[in-house]
Amino acid sequence: MRLTAITIFSAWLLGAGAALSQSNLSSQTIATFDAPWSVVALPKGGFLVTEKQGSLRYVAPNGDVATVSGLPKVDASGQVGLHDVALAPDFDTTGLIYLTWVAGPQGGNLHLGRGWLDGLQLNDFETLWRAEPDGGNGHPGAIITFSDDDHLFLTTGDRQLGDPAQDLTDSRGKILRLTLDGRPAQGNPFPQAPEVWSYGHRNPYGLAFDGQ
């Protein structure tokens, strides 16, 4: 399987308002991985990287790579497996990290879980949320981000199954707004689907807040 590298890029402005040109970028490969899916920088240096087949790697600032233990079982095939990794908003004090992954029958369900990171061990890992109903193919979505008011937003793909994105009784094809422990957040717009923030999404692989 193809190995992909984490690369550090640096760039310098040529002058006020000047555009960056290709000649002003430099790169340094510090580590390679087997089908990496997500990366997050750690506050004290280094990175966490998920590999789709189910491994979480710690990359030290010097480029050394080690495996984190204590992860859930992952069913990796096609487009799905172990997906996003995100640091809790209070990671500095709690050490909590969140993961998304696919596991289960009939092509598997998207899961959201968390545990606290102690060195290379993920402790007390728990599943917080699981997609319903069962099954799917590709299109997991699986992106995590946090709002300034400490809500967790999670994307779910349609899993290539007809049109579940338009069905508010189906958690696939949505953006969910949850509490930090994976419960439906107060104030979501659809009383009949209390975890749903928006729907009608095919396979959202990006999620970010406008800083303005």
N, C-alpha and C. Protein backbone atom coordinates (compact mmCIF):
# COMPACT_ATOMS: atom_id res chain seq x y z
N MET A 1 0.84 -1.19 0.00
CA MET A 1 0.00 0.00 0.00
C MET A 1 0.88 1.25 0.00
N ARG A 2 0.43 2.27 -0.65
CA ARG A 2 1.24 3.49 -0.77
C ARG A 2 1.43 4.15 0.59
N LEU A 3 2.65 4.56 0.86
CA LEU A 3 2.97 5.30 2.07
C LEU A 3 2.93 6.78 1.77
N THR A 4 2.37 7.55 2.70
CA THR A 4 2.26 8.99 2.54
C THR A 4 3.01 9.67 3.66
N ALA A 5 3.64 10.78 3.38
CA ALA A 5 4.50 11.45 4.35
C ALA A 5 3.79 12.65 4.96
N ILE A 6 4.12 12.93 6.22
CA ILE A 6 3.83 14.24 6.79
C ILE A 6 4.97 15.15 6.38
N THR A 7 4.63 16.27 5.81
CA THR A 7 5.63 17.20 5.32
C THR A 7 5.46 18.55 5.99
N ILE A 8 6.54 19.14 6.44
CA ILE A 8 6.52 20.47 7.02
C ILE A 8 6.80 21.48 5.92
N PHE A 9 5.91 22.45 5.78
CA PHE A 9 6.11 23.51 4.80
C PHE A 9 6.42 24.81 5.52
N SER A 10 7.30 25.60 4.94
CA SER A 10 7.55 26.94 5.45
C SER A 10 7.52 27.91 4.28
N ALA A 11 7.07 29.11 4.55
CA ALA A 11 6.93 30.10 3.48
C ALA A 11 7.25 31.48 4.03
N TRP A 12 7.74 32.34 3.16
CA TRP A 12 8.09 33.70 3.55
C TRP A 12 7.43 34.67 2.59
N LEU A 13 6.85 35.74 3.13
CA LEU A 13 6.31 36.78 2.27
C LEU A 13 7.44 37.56 1.63
N LEU A 14 7.27 37.85 0.36
CA LEU A 14 8.29 38.64 -0.35
C LEU A 14 8.15 40.11 -0.03
N GLY A 15 6.98 40.53 0.37
CA GLY A 15 6.75 41.93 0.72
C GLY A 15 5.30 42.10 1.08
N ALA A 16 4.95 43.28 1.58
CA ALA A 16 3.57 43.52 1.98
C ALA A 16 2.64 43.32 0.80
N GLY A 17 1.65 42.45 0.99
CA GLY A 17 0.67 42.21 -0.06
C GLY A 17 1.17 41.35 -1.20
N ALA A 18 2.38 40.87 -1.13
CA ALA A 18 2.94 40.08 -2.22
C ALA A 18 2.40 38.66 -2.17
N ALA A 19 2.20 38.06 -3.33
CA ALA A 19 1.75 36.67 -3.42
C ALA A 19 2.94 35.75 -3.21
N LEU A 20 2.64 34.58 -2.63
CA LEU A 20 3.68 33.57 -2.48
C LEU A 20 3.90 32.86 -3.80
N SER A 21 5.12 32.63 -4.13
CA SER A 21 5.44 31.86 -5.33
C SER A 21 5.99 30.50 -4.92
N GLN A 22 6.01 29.58 -5.86
CA GLN A 22 6.45 28.23 -5.56
C GLN A 22 7.88 28.20 -5.04
N SER A 23 8.70 29.12 -5.49
CA SER A 23 10.10 29.13 -5.08
C SER A 23 10.28 29.51 -3.63
N ASN A 24 9.23 30.02 -2.97
CA ASN A 24 9.34 30.43 -1.57
C ASN A 24 8.85 29.36 -0.60
N LEU A 25 8.60 28.16 -1.10
CA LEU A 25 8.16 27.07 -0.24
C LEU A 25 9.27 26.03 -0.13
N SER A 26 9.48 25.56 1.07
CA SER A 26 10.43 24.46 1.27
C SER A 26 9.73 23.38 2.07
N SER A 27 10.18 22.14 1.93
CA SER A 27 9.53 21.04 2.64
C SER A 27 10.57 20.10 3.22
N GLN A 28 10.15 19.42 4.29
CA GLN A 28 11.00 18.43 4.94
C GLN A 28 10.13 17.26 5.36
N THR A 29 10.39 16.07 4.85
CA THR A 29 9.65 14.87 5.25
C THR A 29 10.16 14.40 6.60
N ILE A 30 9.22 14.21 7.56
CA ILE A 30 9.65 13.78 8.89
C ILE A 30 9.15 12.38 9.25
N ALA A 31 8.14 11.86 8.53
CA ALA A 31 7.64 10.52 8.83
C ALA A 31 6.78 10.03 7.68
N THR A 32 6.66 8.70 7.55
CA THR A 32 5.79 8.12 6.53
C THR A 32 4.81 7.16 7.21
N PHE A 33 3.64 6.96 6.54
CA PHE A 33 2.56 6.19 7.14
C PHE A 33 1.87 5.34 6.09
N ASP A 34 1.09 4.37 6.58
CA ASP A 34 0.31 3.49 5.73
C ASP A 34 -1.13 4.00 5.72
N ALA A 35 -1.55 4.65 4.64
CA ALA A 35 -2.91 5.18 4.47
C ALA A 35 -3.31 6.10 5.62
N PRO A 36 -2.56 7.18 5.87
CA PRO A 36 -2.96 8.13 6.92
C PRO A 36 -4.25 8.84 6.55
N TRP A 37 -5.07 9.16 7.57
CA TRP A 37 -6.36 9.77 7.30
C TRP A 37 -6.48 11.14 7.97
N SER A 38 -5.93 11.30 9.17
CA SER A 38 -6.08 12.56 9.89
C SER A 38 -4.83 12.82 10.73
N VAL A 39 -4.54 14.09 10.96
CA VAL A 39 -3.39 14.48 11.78
C VAL A 39 -3.79 15.64 12.66
N VAL A 40 -3.29 15.65 13.89
CA VAL A 40 -3.52 16.77 14.79
C VAL A 40 -2.21 17.07 15.51
N ALA A 41 -1.90 18.35 15.67
CA ALA A 41 -0.70 18.77 16.37
C ALA A 41 -0.94 18.79 17.87
N LEU A 42 0.04 18.33 18.64
CA LEU A 42 -0.05 18.32 20.09
C LEU A 42 0.52 19.62 20.66
N PRO A 43 -0.05 20.12 21.75
CA PRO A 43 0.38 21.42 22.28
C PRO A 43 1.85 21.49 22.65
N LYS A 44 2.42 20.37 23.10
CA LYS A 44 3.82 20.37 23.54
C LYS A 44 4.75 19.86 22.45
N GLY A 45 4.26 19.78 21.22
CA GLY A 45 5.07 19.33 20.10
C GLY A 45 4.73 17.91 19.69
N GLY A 46 4.98 17.62 18.44
CA GLY A 46 4.65 16.31 17.91
C GLY A 46 3.24 16.27 17.35
N PHE A 47 2.84 15.10 16.85
CA PHE A 47 1.57 14.93 16.18
C PHE A 47 0.94 13.60 16.57
N LEU A 48 -0.37 13.52 16.40
CA LEU A 48 -1.08 12.25 16.37
C LEU A 48 -1.59 12.05 14.96
N VAL A 49 -1.44 10.85 14.41
CA VAL A 49 -1.85 10.53 13.04
C VAL A 49 -2.66 9.24 13.06
N THR A 50 -3.85 9.26 12.45
CA THR A 50 -4.61 8.02 12.28
C THR A 50 -4.25 7.37 10.96
N GLU A 51 -4.16 6.04 10.97
CA GLU A 51 -4.03 5.25 9.75
C GLU A 51 -5.33 4.48 9.56
N LYS A 52 -5.81 4.44 8.33
CA LYS A 52 -7.16 3.95 8.07
C LYS A 52 -7.38 2.51 8.54
N GLN A 53 -6.35 1.69 8.52
CA GLN A 53 -6.53 0.30 8.90
C GLN A 53 -6.72 0.12 10.40
N GLY A 54 -6.55 1.20 11.21
CA GLY A 54 -6.87 1.10 12.62
C GLY A 54 -5.79 1.49 13.60
N SER A 55 -4.71 2.08 13.15
CA SER A 55 -3.60 2.45 14.04
C SER A 55 -3.59 3.94 14.30
N LEU A 56 -3.22 4.30 15.53
CA LEU A 56 -2.97 5.70 15.90
C LEU A 56 -1.48 5.83 16.20
N ARG A 57 -0.82 6.73 15.49
CA ARG A 57 0.62 6.90 15.64
C ARG A 57 0.93 8.23 16.34
N TYR A 58 1.93 8.17 17.21
CA TYR A 58 2.49 9.39 17.81
C TYR A 58 3.78 9.71 17.10
N VAL A 59 3.89 10.92 16.61
CA VAL A 59 5.11 11.38 15.93
C VAL A 59 5.79 12.40 16.84
N ALA A 60 6.97 12.05 17.33
CA ALA A 60 7.72 12.96 18.19
C ALA A 60 8.26 14.13 17.37
N PRO A 61 8.61 15.24 18.02
CA PRO A 61 9.16 16.38 17.29
C PRO A 61 10.37 16.06 16.42
N ASN A 62 11.12 15.03 16.81
CA ASN A 62 12.29 14.67 16.00
C ASN A 62 11.97 13.70 14.87
N GLY A 63 10.68 13.33 14.73
CA GLY A 63 10.26 12.44 13.65
C GLY A 63 10.13 10.98 14.03
N ASP A 64 10.52 10.59 15.26
CA ASP A 64 10.33 9.21 15.69
C ASP A 64 8.84 8.89 15.76
N VAL A 65 8.47 7.69 15.34
CA VAL A 65 7.07 7.28 15.29
C VAL A 65 6.85 6.10 16.23
N ALA A 66 5.78 6.18 17.04
CA ALA A 66 5.41 5.09 17.94
C ALA A 66 3.91 4.87 17.84
N THR A 67 3.45 3.69 18.26
CA THR A 67 2.03 3.32 18.17
C THR A 67 1.35 3.52 19.51
N VAL A 68 0.18 4.14 19.48
CA VAL A 68 -0.64 4.32 20.67
C VAL A 68 -1.55 3.10 20.81
N SER A 69 -1.63 2.53 22.00
CA SER A 69 -2.48 1.37 22.25
C SER A 69 -3.78 1.80 22.93
N GLY A 70 -4.75 0.86 22.97
CA GLY A 70 -6.02 1.13 23.63
C GLY A 70 -7.12 1.61 22.71
N LEU A 71 -6.96 1.42 21.39
CA LEU A 71 -7.96 1.88 20.43
C LEU A 71 -9.09 0.87 20.28
N PRO A 72 -10.24 1.32 19.79
CA PRO A 72 -11.34 0.39 19.53
C PRO A 72 -11.07 -0.48 18.31
N LYS A 73 -11.84 -1.55 18.17
CA LYS A 73 -11.75 -2.40 16.98
C LYS A 73 -12.33 -1.65 15.79
N VAL A 74 -11.62 -1.71 14.68
CA VAL A 74 -12.00 -1.00 13.46
C VAL A 74 -12.19 -2.02 12.34
N ASP A 75 -13.23 -1.84 11.54
CA ASP A 75 -13.41 -2.65 10.33
C ASP A 75 -13.01 -1.79 9.14
N ALA A 76 -11.83 -2.04 8.61
CA ALA A 76 -11.27 -1.21 7.54
C ALA A 76 -11.44 -1.92 6.20
N SER A 77 -12.14 -1.25 5.29
CA SER A 77 -12.27 -1.75 3.92
C SER A 77 -12.72 -0.59 3.04
N GLY A 78 -12.27 -0.61 1.80
CA GLY A 78 -12.69 0.46 0.89
C GLY A 78 -12.35 1.83 1.45
N GLN A 79 -13.37 2.69 1.58
CA GLN A 79 -13.16 4.06 2.05
C GLN A 79 -13.17 4.19 3.57
N VAL A 80 -13.51 3.12 4.30
CA VAL A 80 -13.78 3.29 5.73
C VAL A 80 -12.75 2.56 6.59
N GLY A 81 -12.68 3.00 7.85
CA GLY A 81 -11.76 2.42 8.83
C GLY A 81 -11.66 3.36 10.02
N LEU A 82 -10.44 3.64 10.45
CA LEU A 82 -10.20 4.64 11.48
C LEU A 82 -10.07 5.99 10.80
N HIS A 83 -10.75 6.99 11.32
CA HIS A 83 -10.82 8.27 10.61
C HIS A 83 -10.26 9.42 11.43
N ASP A 84 -11.09 10.29 11.95
CA ASP A 84 -10.58 11.54 12.51
C ASP A 84 -10.02 11.35 13.91
N VAL A 85 -9.09 12.24 14.28
CA VAL A 85 -8.60 12.37 15.64
C VAL A 85 -8.64 13.85 15.98
N ALA A 86 -9.14 14.17 17.18
CA ALA A 86 -9.27 15.57 17.59
C ALA A 86 -8.98 15.67 19.08
N LEU A 87 -8.34 16.75 19.48
CA LEU A 87 -8.08 17.01 20.89
C LEU A 87 -9.28 17.70 21.51
N ALA A 88 -9.67 17.27 22.70
CA ALA A 88 -10.75 17.93 23.41
C ALA A 88 -10.39 19.39 23.66
N PRO A 89 -11.37 20.28 23.76
CA PRO A 89 -11.07 21.68 24.05
C PRO A 89 -10.25 21.88 25.32
N ASP A 90 -10.42 20.97 26.29
CA ASP A 90 -9.67 21.06 27.55
C ASP A 90 -8.55 20.01 27.61
N PHE A 91 -7.99 19.68 26.44
CA PHE A 91 -6.97 18.64 26.38
C PHE A 91 -5.80 18.90 27.33
N ASP A 92 -5.41 20.15 27.48
CA ASP A 92 -4.26 20.48 28.33
C ASP A 92 -4.43 19.99 29.76
N THR A 93 -5.68 19.95 30.25
CA THR A 93 -5.93 19.52 31.62
C THR A 93 -6.47 18.10 31.71
N THR A 94 -7.22 17.65 30.69
CA THR A 94 -7.84 16.33 30.76
C THR A 94 -7.10 15.26 29.97
N GLY A 95 -6.35 15.64 28.93
CA GLY A 95 -5.70 14.66 28.06
C GLY A 95 -6.66 13.90 27.18
N LEU A 96 -7.91 14.35 27.06
CA LEU A 96 -8.92 13.61 26.29
C LEU A 96 -8.72 13.83 24.79
N ILE A 97 -8.84 12.73 24.03
CA ILE A 97 -8.87 12.82 22.57
C ILE A 97 -10.11 12.09 22.07
N TYR A 98 -10.61 12.56 20.93
CA TYR A 98 -11.78 11.97 20.28
C TYR A 98 -11.35 11.28 18.99
N LEU A 99 -12.01 10.17 18.69
CA LEU A 99 -11.76 9.43 17.45
C LEU A 99 -13.09 9.12 16.77
N THR A 100 -13.06 9.00 15.45
CA THR A 100 -14.17 8.43 14.69
C THR A 100 -13.67 7.21 13.93
N TRP A 101 -14.55 6.21 13.81
CA TRP A 101 -14.17 4.98 13.12
C TRP A 101 -15.44 4.25 12.67
N VAL A 102 -15.25 3.30 11.77
CA VAL A 102 -16.36 2.48 11.27
C VAL A 102 -16.14 1.04 11.73
N ALA A 103 -17.20 0.43 12.26
CA ALA A 103 -17.16 -0.97 12.68
C ALA A 103 -18.58 -1.50 12.74
N GLY A 104 -18.72 -2.82 12.61
CA GLY A 104 -20.02 -3.43 12.76
C GLY A 104 -20.48 -4.17 11.52
N PRO A 105 -21.70 -4.71 11.57
CA PRO A 105 -22.22 -5.54 10.47
C PRO A 105 -22.68 -4.72 9.29
N GLN A 106 -22.89 -5.38 8.18
CA GLN A 106 -23.50 -4.80 6.98
C GLN A 106 -22.73 -3.57 6.48
N GLY A 107 -21.42 -3.63 6.54
CA GLY A 107 -20.60 -2.51 6.10
C GLY A 107 -20.19 -1.57 7.20
N GLY A 108 -20.76 -1.76 8.38
CA GLY A 108 -20.32 -1.00 9.55
C GLY A 108 -21.04 0.32 9.75
N ASN A 109 -20.95 0.81 10.98
CA ASN A 109 -21.54 2.08 11.37
C ASN A 109 -20.44 3.04 11.79
N LEU A 110 -20.66 4.32 11.53
CA LEU A 110 -19.75 5.34 12.05
C LEU A 110 -19.92 5.44 13.56
N HIS A 111 -18.79 5.50 14.27
CA HIS A 111 -18.77 5.65 15.71
C HIS A 111 -17.96 6.90 16.10
N LEU A 112 -18.32 7.46 17.24
CA LEU A 112 -17.56 8.54 17.88
C LEU A 112 -17.23 8.10 19.29
N GLY A 113 -15.96 8.25 19.68
CA GLY A 113 -15.57 7.88 21.04
C GLY A 113 -14.44 8.74 21.54
N ARG A 114 -14.13 8.56 22.83
CA ARG A 114 -13.03 9.34 23.43
C ARG A 114 -12.36 8.54 24.54
N GLY A 115 -11.13 8.91 24.81
CA GLY A 115 -10.36 8.36 25.92
C GLY A 115 -9.28 9.36 26.28
N TRP A 116 -8.60 9.12 27.40
CA TRP A 116 -7.54 10.06 27.78
C TRP A 116 -6.18 9.45 27.50
N LEU A 117 -5.34 10.30 26.94
CA LEU A 117 -4.03 9.88 26.44
C LEU A 117 -2.99 10.03 27.54
N ASP A 118 -2.35 8.92 27.86
CA ASP A 118 -1.27 8.90 28.84
C ASP A 118 -0.05 8.30 28.18
N GLY A 119 0.83 9.14 27.69
CA GLY A 119 1.97 8.64 26.94
C GLY A 119 1.51 7.98 25.66
N LEU A 120 1.78 6.68 25.52
CA LEU A 120 1.38 5.92 24.34
C LEU A 120 0.20 5.00 24.64
N GLN A 121 -0.56 5.30 25.68
CA GLN A 121 -1.72 4.49 26.06
C GLN A 121 -2.97 5.35 26.07
N LEU A 122 -4.03 4.87 25.41
CA LEU A 122 -5.33 5.54 25.43
C LEU A 122 -6.18 4.81 26.47
N ASN A 123 -6.51 5.49 27.55
CA ASN A 123 -7.17 4.88 28.70
C ASN A 123 -8.66 5.19 28.74
N ASP A 124 -9.42 4.27 29.34
CA ASP A 124 -10.85 4.46 29.60
C ASP A 124 -11.60 4.87 28.33
N PHE A 125 -11.27 4.25 27.21
CA PHE A 125 -11.91 4.63 25.97
C PHE A 125 -13.37 4.21 25.98
N GLU A 126 -14.25 5.11 25.55
CA GLU A 126 -15.68 4.83 25.53
C GLU A 126 -16.30 5.32 24.23
N THR A 127 -17.29 4.56 23.75
CA THR A 127 -18.06 4.98 22.59
C THR A 127 -19.15 5.94 23.06
N LEU A 128 -19.19 7.12 22.44
CA LEU A 128 -20.15 8.15 22.82
C LEU A 128 -21.37 8.18 21.92
N TRP A 129 -21.20 7.80 20.67
CA TRP A 129 -22.27 7.92 19.69
C TRP A 129 -22.04 6.89 18.59
N ARG A 130 -23.15 6.40 18.02
CA ARG A 130 -23.08 5.41 16.94
C ARG A 130 -24.19 5.70 15.95
N ALA A 131 -23.85 5.67 14.66
CA ALA A 131 -24.84 5.96 13.63
C ALA A 131 -25.94 4.90 13.61
N GLU A 132 -27.14 5.34 13.31
CA GLU A 132 -28.28 4.45 13.15
C GLU A 132 -29.05 4.88 11.91
N PRO A 133 -29.59 3.92 11.15
CA PRO A 133 -29.57 2.46 11.34
C PRO A 133 -28.24 1.85 10.90
N ASP A 134 -28.17 0.52 10.97
CA ASP A 134 -26.94 -0.19 10.66
C ASP A 134 -26.61 -0.13 9.17
N GLY A 135 -25.31 -0.21 8.90
CA GLY A 135 -24.84 -0.53 7.56
C GLY A 135 -24.44 0.65 6.71
N GLY A 136 -23.74 0.30 5.62
CA GLY A 136 -23.28 1.32 4.69
C GLY A 136 -22.16 0.79 3.82
N ASN A 137 -21.68 1.65 2.96
CA ASN A 137 -20.55 1.33 2.09
C ASN A 137 -19.44 2.34 2.34
N GLY A 138 -19.18 3.24 1.38
CA GLY A 138 -18.18 4.28 1.60
C GLY A 138 -18.79 5.50 2.27
N HIS A 139 -18.24 6.67 1.97
CA HIS A 139 -18.77 7.97 2.41
C HIS A 139 -19.03 8.03 3.93
N PRO A 140 -17.98 7.91 4.74
CA PRO A 140 -18.23 7.96 6.18
C PRO A 140 -18.45 9.36 6.75
N GLY A 141 -17.95 10.41 6.04
CA GLY A 141 -17.93 11.73 6.69
C GLY A 141 -16.86 11.71 7.77
N ALA A 142 -17.30 11.70 9.07
CA ALA A 142 -16.42 11.38 10.21
C ALA A 142 -15.53 12.51 10.68
N ILE A 143 -15.81 13.76 10.28
CA ILE A 143 -14.99 14.89 10.71
C ILE A 143 -15.51 15.46 12.02
N ILE A 144 -14.60 15.77 12.94
CA ILE A 144 -14.91 16.35 14.24
C ILE A 144 -14.36 17.77 14.31
N THR A 145 -15.15 18.68 14.87
CA THR A 145 -14.60 19.97 15.25
C THR A 145 -15.40 20.48 16.44
N PHE A 146 -14.88 21.52 17.10
CA PHE A 146 -15.50 22.05 18.31
C PHE A 146 -15.78 23.54 18.13
N SER A 147 -16.93 23.98 18.66
CA SER A 147 -17.26 25.40 18.64
C SER A 147 -16.70 26.09 19.87
N ASP A 148 -16.71 27.42 19.85
CA ASP A 148 -16.18 28.18 20.98
C ASP A 148 -16.97 27.95 22.26
N ASP A 149 -18.23 27.54 22.13
CA ASP A 149 -19.04 27.28 23.33
C ASP A 149 -19.00 25.79 23.72
N ASP A 150 -17.96 25.09 23.26
CA ASP A 150 -17.70 23.71 23.67
C ASP A 150 -18.79 22.74 23.26
N HIS A 151 -19.29 22.90 22.05
CA HIS A 151 -20.12 21.88 21.44
C HIS A 151 -19.28 21.12 20.41
N LEU A 152 -19.60 19.85 20.24
CA LEU A 152 -18.90 19.01 19.29
C LEU A 152 -19.76 18.89 18.03
N PHE A 153 -19.17 19.19 16.90
CA PHE A 153 -19.83 19.03 15.60
C PHE A 153 -19.20 17.83 14.89
N LEU A 154 -20.05 16.99 14.34
CA LEU A 154 -19.62 15.75 13.68
C LEU A 154 -20.30 15.64 12.33
N THR A 155 -19.54 15.35 11.28
CA THR A 155 -20.14 15.11 9.97
C THR A 155 -20.37 13.62 9.77
N THR A 156 -21.48 13.29 9.12
CA THR A 156 -21.77 11.91 8.76
C THR A 156 -22.09 11.85 7.27
N GLY A 157 -21.50 10.91 6.55
CA GLY A 157 -21.77 10.75 5.14
C GLY A 157 -23.00 9.90 4.89
N ASP A 158 -23.44 9.89 3.63
CA ASP A 158 -24.66 9.14 3.29
C ASP A 158 -24.42 7.65 3.14
N ARG A 159 -23.16 7.22 3.22
CA ARG A 159 -22.75 5.81 3.15
C ARG A 159 -23.17 5.16 1.84
N GLN A 160 -23.41 5.96 0.80
CA GLN A 160 -23.74 5.47 -0.53
C GLN A 160 -24.99 4.58 -0.51
N LEU A 161 -25.98 5.00 0.25
CA LEU A 161 -27.20 4.20 0.42
C LEU A 161 -28.42 5.02 0.04
N GLY A 162 -28.70 5.16 -1.23
CA GLY A 162 -29.91 5.86 -1.63
C GLY A 162 -29.87 7.31 -1.19
N ASP A 163 -30.85 7.71 -0.37
CA ASP A 163 -30.95 9.11 0.01
C ASP A 163 -31.22 9.30 1.50
N PRO A 164 -30.41 8.68 2.39
CA PRO A 164 -30.65 8.87 3.82
C PRO A 164 -30.40 10.30 4.29
N ALA A 165 -29.64 11.07 3.50
CA ALA A 165 -29.33 12.44 3.91
C ALA A 165 -30.57 13.31 4.04
N GLN A 166 -31.66 12.95 3.34
CA GLN A 166 -32.90 13.74 3.40
C GLN A 166 -33.88 13.21 4.45
N ASP A 167 -33.50 12.17 5.17
CA ASP A 167 -34.40 11.52 6.13
C ASP A 167 -33.96 11.86 7.54
N LEU A 168 -34.77 12.61 8.27
CA LEU A 168 -34.38 13.02 9.61
C LEU A 168 -34.47 11.90 10.64
N THR A 169 -35.00 10.74 10.27
CA THR A 169 -34.96 9.59 11.17
C THR A 169 -33.68 8.78 11.00
N ASP A 170 -32.81 9.18 10.08
CA ASP A 170 -31.56 8.48 9.76
C ASP A 170 -30.41 9.43 10.06
N SER A 171 -29.41 8.96 10.81
CA SER A 171 -28.32 9.84 11.21
C SER A 171 -27.26 10.03 10.13
N ARG A 172 -27.41 9.37 8.99
CA ARG A 172 -26.42 9.48 7.92
C ARG A 172 -26.72 10.67 7.01
N GLY A 173 -25.65 11.30 6.52
CA GLY A 173 -25.81 12.45 5.63
C GLY A 173 -26.16 13.73 6.36
N LYS A 174 -25.59 13.91 7.56
CA LYS A 174 -25.95 15.02 8.42
C LYS A 174 -24.70 15.72 8.97
N ILE A 175 -24.91 16.90 9.56
CA ILE A 175 -23.97 17.49 10.49
C ILE A 175 -24.66 17.50 11.84
N LEU A 176 -24.02 16.90 12.83
CA LEU A 176 -24.59 16.78 14.16
C LEU A 176 -23.95 17.80 15.09
N ARG A 177 -24.75 18.31 16.01
CA ARG A 177 -24.25 19.21 17.07
C ARG A 177 -24.53 18.52 18.40
N LEU A 178 -23.45 18.15 19.09
CA LEU A 178 -23.53 17.32 20.28
C LEU A 178 -22.85 18.00 21.46
N THR A 179 -23.15 17.51 22.66
CA THR A 179 -22.36 17.90 23.83
C THR A 179 -21.02 17.17 23.77
N LEU A 180 -20.13 17.52 24.65
CA LEU A 180 -18.82 16.88 24.64
C LEU A 180 -18.88 15.40 25.02
N ASP A 181 -19.98 14.97 25.64
CA ASP A 181 -20.12 13.54 25.94
C ASP A 181 -21.01 12.83 24.93
N GLY A 182 -21.25 13.46 23.77
CA GLY A 182 -21.91 12.79 22.66
C GLY A 182 -23.42 12.81 22.67
N ARG A 183 -24.04 13.61 23.52
CA ARG A 183 -25.49 13.70 23.58
C ARG A 183 -25.99 14.83 22.69
N PRO A 184 -27.26 14.78 22.25
CA PRO A 184 -27.80 15.90 21.47
C PRO A 184 -27.71 17.20 22.25
N ALA A 185 -27.23 18.25 21.61
CA ALA A 185 -27.09 19.54 22.26
C ALA A 185 -28.42 20.27 22.30
N GLN A 186 -28.62 21.08 23.33
CA GLN A 186 -29.81 21.91 23.43
C GLN A 186 -29.79 22.98 22.33
N GLY A 187 -30.97 23.27 21.78
CA GLY A 187 -31.07 24.36 20.82
C GLY A 187 -30.90 23.96 19.38
N ASN A 188 -30.78 22.65 19.08
CA ASN A 188 -30.71 22.22 17.69
C ASN A 188 -32.08 22.44 17.02
N PRO A 189 -32.09 22.62 15.68
CA PRO A 189 -33.29 23.14 15.03
C PRO A 189 -34.41 22.15 14.74
N PHE A 190 -34.19 20.83 14.93
CA PHE A 190 -35.19 19.86 14.50
C PHE A 190 -35.64 19.03 15.71
N PRO A 191 -36.80 19.35 16.30
CA PRO A 191 -37.25 18.60 17.49
C PRO A 191 -37.36 17.11 17.25
N GLN A 192 -37.72 16.70 16.03
CA GLN A 192 -37.87 15.28 15.73
C GLN A 192 -36.53 14.58 15.52
N ALA A 193 -35.46 15.35 15.44
CA ALA A 193 -34.11 14.80 15.26
C ALA A 193 -33.16 15.64 16.12
N PRO A 194 -33.15 15.43 17.43
CA PRO A 194 -32.51 16.37 18.35
C PRO A 194 -31.01 16.51 18.22
N GLU A 195 -30.32 15.57 17.57
CA GLU A 195 -28.87 15.68 17.41
C GLU A 195 -28.47 16.42 16.13
N VAL A 196 -29.42 16.63 15.21
CA VAL A 196 -29.11 17.13 13.88
C VAL A 196 -29.05 18.65 13.86
N TRP A 197 -27.97 19.18 13.29
CA TRP A 197 -27.78 20.61 13.07
C TRP A 197 -28.16 20.99 11.64
N SER A 198 -27.76 20.16 10.67
CA SER A 198 -28.16 20.36 9.28
C SER A 198 -28.17 19.01 8.58
N TYR A 199 -28.90 18.94 7.46
CA TYR A 199 -29.03 17.66 6.77
C TYR A 199 -28.99 17.87 5.26
N GLY A 200 -28.94 16.74 4.53
CA GLY A 200 -28.84 16.80 3.08
C GLY A 200 -27.42 16.81 2.57
N HIS A 201 -26.50 16.21 3.32
CA HIS A 201 -25.08 16.23 2.98
C HIS A 201 -24.65 14.86 2.42
N ARG A 202 -23.90 14.88 1.34
CA ARG A 202 -23.49 13.62 0.71
C ARG A 202 -22.35 12.96 1.46
N ASN A 203 -21.24 13.68 1.62
CA ASN A 203 -20.07 13.10 2.28
C ASN A 203 -19.13 14.21 2.72
N PRO A 204 -19.48 14.96 3.77
CA PRO A 204 -18.67 16.11 4.17
C PRO A 204 -17.34 15.70 4.79
N TYR A 205 -16.27 15.95 4.05
CA TYR A 205 -14.92 15.63 4.52
C TYR A 205 -14.18 16.85 5.04
N GLY A 206 -14.87 17.93 5.30
CA GLY A 206 -14.26 19.11 5.89
C GLY A 206 -15.27 19.82 6.75
N LEU A 207 -14.80 20.46 7.82
CA LEU A 207 -15.68 21.19 8.72
C LEU A 207 -14.83 22.19 9.49
N ALA A 208 -15.18 23.48 9.35
CA ALA A 208 -14.41 24.52 10.05
C ALA A 208 -15.32 25.71 10.28
N PHE A 209 -14.97 26.53 11.25
CA PHE A 209 -15.73 27.73 11.55
C PHE A 209 -15.07 28.94 10.90
N ASP A 210 -15.90 29.82 10.38
CA ASP A 210 -15.42 31.09 9.83
C ASP A 210 -14.92 31.93 10.99
N GLY A 211 -13.70 32.39 10.90
CA GLY A 211 -13.11 33.16 12.00
C GLY A 211 -13.58 34.59 12.08
N GLN A 212 -14.39 35.05 11.12
CA GLN A 212 -14.83 36.45 11.12
C GLN A 212 -15.97 36.68 12.10
